[in-house]
């Protein structure tokens, strides 16, 4: 019997369903809107945001590590001052770091915050979560969950 050809849409639907399950498991309620009309895909924006850091010698062990720091920096650049401390606390609770690792990572987060403010200031969506799907050693796909500011939704 011939093998069923893989359809790009099938792979997309599987990734979307896994992401939906992940959100439900985290008790995140909301509606997933794929590629809102007239808006650039958040995954494209974030990949452009982190692109200069893929090949530089930074304290990045993996793509996930870079995306975690990018998420922190992106949201710190958007949120009001009083929310930044809570965001940083949450990040530090999830990441056990030595003092030297913390210093290096915070330096990178500061660079990313400045990059966000300088080159991506027009994007006000919060970077809520991501899902990385590895296809093979050199290829992967990223799905980004972002949250529009209330003023953009209402």
Protein backbone atom coordinates (compact mmCIF):
# COMPACT_ATOMS: atom_id res chain seq x y z
CA UNK A 1 0.00 0.00 0.00
CA UNK A 2 1.48 3.41 -0.95
CA UNK A 3 2.38 5.80 1.86
CA UNK A 4 0.14 8.80 2.35
CA UNK A 5 1.88 11.97 1.19
CA UNK A 6 2.54 14.45 3.96
CA UNK A 7 0.48 17.54 3.54
CA UNK A 8 1.83 20.85 4.91
CA UNK A 9 -1.60 21.59 6.31
CA UNK A 10 -1.61 18.27 8.23
CA UNK A 11 1.67 19.21 9.94
CA UNK A 12 0.34 22.67 10.72
CA UNK A 13 -2.86 21.27 12.23
CA UNK A 14 -0.91 18.82 14.41
CA UNK A 15 1.33 21.64 15.70
CA UNK A 16 -1.70 23.88 16.32
CA UNK A 17 -3.51 21.12 18.22
CA UNK A 18 -0.43 20.43 20.39
CA UNK A 19 -0.16 24.17 21.12
CA UNK A 20 -3.87 24.38 22.00
CA UNK A 21 -3.47 21.43 24.39
CA UNK A 22 -0.41 23.06 25.97
CA UNK A 23 -2.40 26.24 26.61
CA UNK A 24 -5.31 24.31 28.14
CA UNK A 25 -2.85 22.42 30.36
CA UNK A 26 -1.57 25.81 31.58
CA UNK A 27 -5.15 27.04 32.19
CA UNK A 28 -4.78 29.78 29.59
CA UNK A 29 -8.18 30.62 28.24
CA UNK A 30 -8.52 32.50 25.03
CA UNK A 31 -9.10 32.25 21.37
CA UNK A 32 -6.31 31.33 19.01
CA UNK A 33 -6.46 33.52 15.96
CA UNK A 34 -4.20 32.37 13.18
CA UNK A 35 -2.59 35.19 11.27
CA UNK A 36 -4.98 38.04 12.11
CA UNK A 37 -5.93 39.90 8.92
CA UNK A 38 -3.77 42.92 8.26
CA UNK A 39 -1.23 41.88 10.91
CA UNK A 40 2.22 40.44 10.46
CA UNK A 41 2.77 36.96 11.90
CA UNK A 42 4.32 37.17 15.35
CA UNK A 43 6.63 34.25 14.57
CA UNK A 44 8.14 36.24 11.68
CA UNK A 45 8.58 39.30 13.90
CA UNK A 46 10.26 37.34 16.70
CA UNK A 47 12.58 35.50 14.32
CA UNK A 48 13.66 38.84 12.87
CA UNK A 49 14.07 40.19 16.42
CA UNK A 50 16.45 37.40 17.51
CA UNK A 51 18.19 36.81 14.17
CA UNK A 52 21.40 38.75 15.05
CA UNK A 53 21.85 36.51 18.11
CA UNK A 54 21.77 33.12 16.41
CA UNK A 55 25.48 33.00 15.62
CA UNK A 56 27.06 35.34 18.14
CA UNK A 57 29.00 34.02 21.12
CA UNK A 58 26.46 34.66 23.87
CA UNK A 59 25.41 32.62 26.87
CA UNK A 60 22.84 30.85 24.72
CA UNK A 61 22.75 27.07 24.98
CA UNK A 62 19.83 26.53 22.67
CA UNK A 63 17.15 28.13 20.57
CA UNK A 64 14.80 27.71 23.55
CA UNK A 65 17.21 29.63 25.77
CA UNK A 66 17.33 32.49 23.26
CA UNK A 67 13.53 32.53 22.91
CA UNK A 68 13.08 32.58 26.70
CA UNK A 69 15.33 35.63 26.99
CA UNK A 70 13.71 37.23 23.93
CA UNK A 71 10.27 36.78 25.49
CA UNK A 72 11.43 38.38 28.74
CA UNK A 73 13.08 41.31 26.94
CA UNK A 74 10.18 41.84 24.52
CA UNK A 75 7.64 42.04 27.33
CA UNK A 76 9.88 44.19 29.56
CA UNK A 77 10.09 46.71 26.72
CA UNK A 78 6.27 46.89 26.54
CA UNK A 79 5.00 46.55 30.10
CA UNK A 80 4.75 49.38 32.63
CA UNK A 81 7.55 49.67 35.20
CA UNK A 82 5.55 48.11 38.05
CA UNK A 83 4.99 44.89 36.04
CA UNK A 84 8.65 44.43 35.08
CA UNK A 85 9.75 43.26 38.54
CA UNK A 86 7.06 40.55 38.59
CA UNK A 87 8.06 39.45 35.11
CA UNK A 88 11.72 39.22 36.10
CA UNK A 89 10.82 37.34 39.32
CA UNK A 90 8.88 34.77 37.29
CA UNK A 91 11.78 34.34 34.88
CA UNK A 92 14.25 33.82 37.74
CA UNK A 93 11.98 31.26 39.42
CA UNK A 94 11.92 29.21 36.20
CA UNK A 95 15.66 29.50 35.50
CA UNK A 96 18.21 28.44 38.11
CA UNK A 97 21.30 30.51 37.32
CA UNK A 98 24.65 31.12 38.93
CA UNK A 99 25.60 34.74 39.60
CA UNK A 100 27.86 34.82 36.53
CA UNK A 101 25.17 33.24 34.30
CA UNK A 102 22.61 35.71 35.59
CA UNK A 103 24.91 38.66 34.89
CA UNK A 104 25.59 37.45 31.32
CA UNK A 105 21.94 36.73 30.58
CA UNK A 106 20.75 40.04 32.00
CA UNK A 107 23.29 41.83 29.81
CA UNK A 108 21.79 40.07 26.78
CA UNK A 109 18.23 40.82 27.96
CA UNK A 110 19.17 44.51 28.28
CA UNK A 111 20.52 44.45 24.70
CA UNK A 112 17.31 42.80 23.49
CA UNK A 113 15.15 45.36 25.34
CA UNK A 114 17.01 48.16 23.57
CA UNK A 115 16.69 46.36 20.22
CA UNK A 116 12.93 46.00 20.77
CA UNK A 117 12.54 49.69 21.62
CA UNK A 118 14.68 50.84 18.70
CA UNK A 119 13.63 48.51 15.86
CA UNK A 120 10.33 46.92 16.89
CA UNK A 121 8.61 49.69 18.86
CA UNK A 122 5.51 49.56 16.64
CA UNK A 123 4.60 46.05 17.84
CA UNK A 124 2.65 46.17 21.11
CA UNK A 125 1.62 42.50 21.38
CA UNK A 126 2.91 40.64 24.42
CA UNK A 127 4.97 37.52 23.73
CA UNK A 128 3.09 34.98 25.88
CA UNK A 129 4.47 31.60 24.89
CA UNK A 130 6.04 29.64 22.08
CA UNK A 131 6.21 26.13 20.80
CA UNK A 132 9.24 24.90 18.94
CA UNK A 133 8.89 21.83 16.75
CA UNK A 134 12.09 20.21 15.52
CA UNK A 135 11.80 18.77 12.03
CA UNK A 136 15.43 17.62 11.78
CA UNK A 137 18.88 18.79 12.95
CA UNK A 138 18.84 21.89 10.77
CA UNK A 139 15.16 22.69 10.50
CA UNK A 140 12.49 23.66 12.99
CA UNK A 141 9.19 25.49 13.17
CA UNK A 142 8.08 28.03 15.73
CA UNK A 143 4.57 28.96 16.81
CA UNK A 144 4.15 32.08 18.91
CA UNK A 145 1.27 32.91 21.20
CA UNK A 146 0.90 36.65 21.51
CA UNK A 147 -1.65 38.83 23.22
CA UNK A 148 -3.01 41.99 21.68
CA UNK A 149 -3.38 45.01 23.93
CA UNK A 150 -7.02 45.52 24.91
CA UNK A 151 -7.14 48.74 22.90
CA UNK A 152 -6.37 46.73 19.72
CA UNK A 153 -9.09 44.15 20.37
CA UNK A 154 -11.99 46.20 21.58
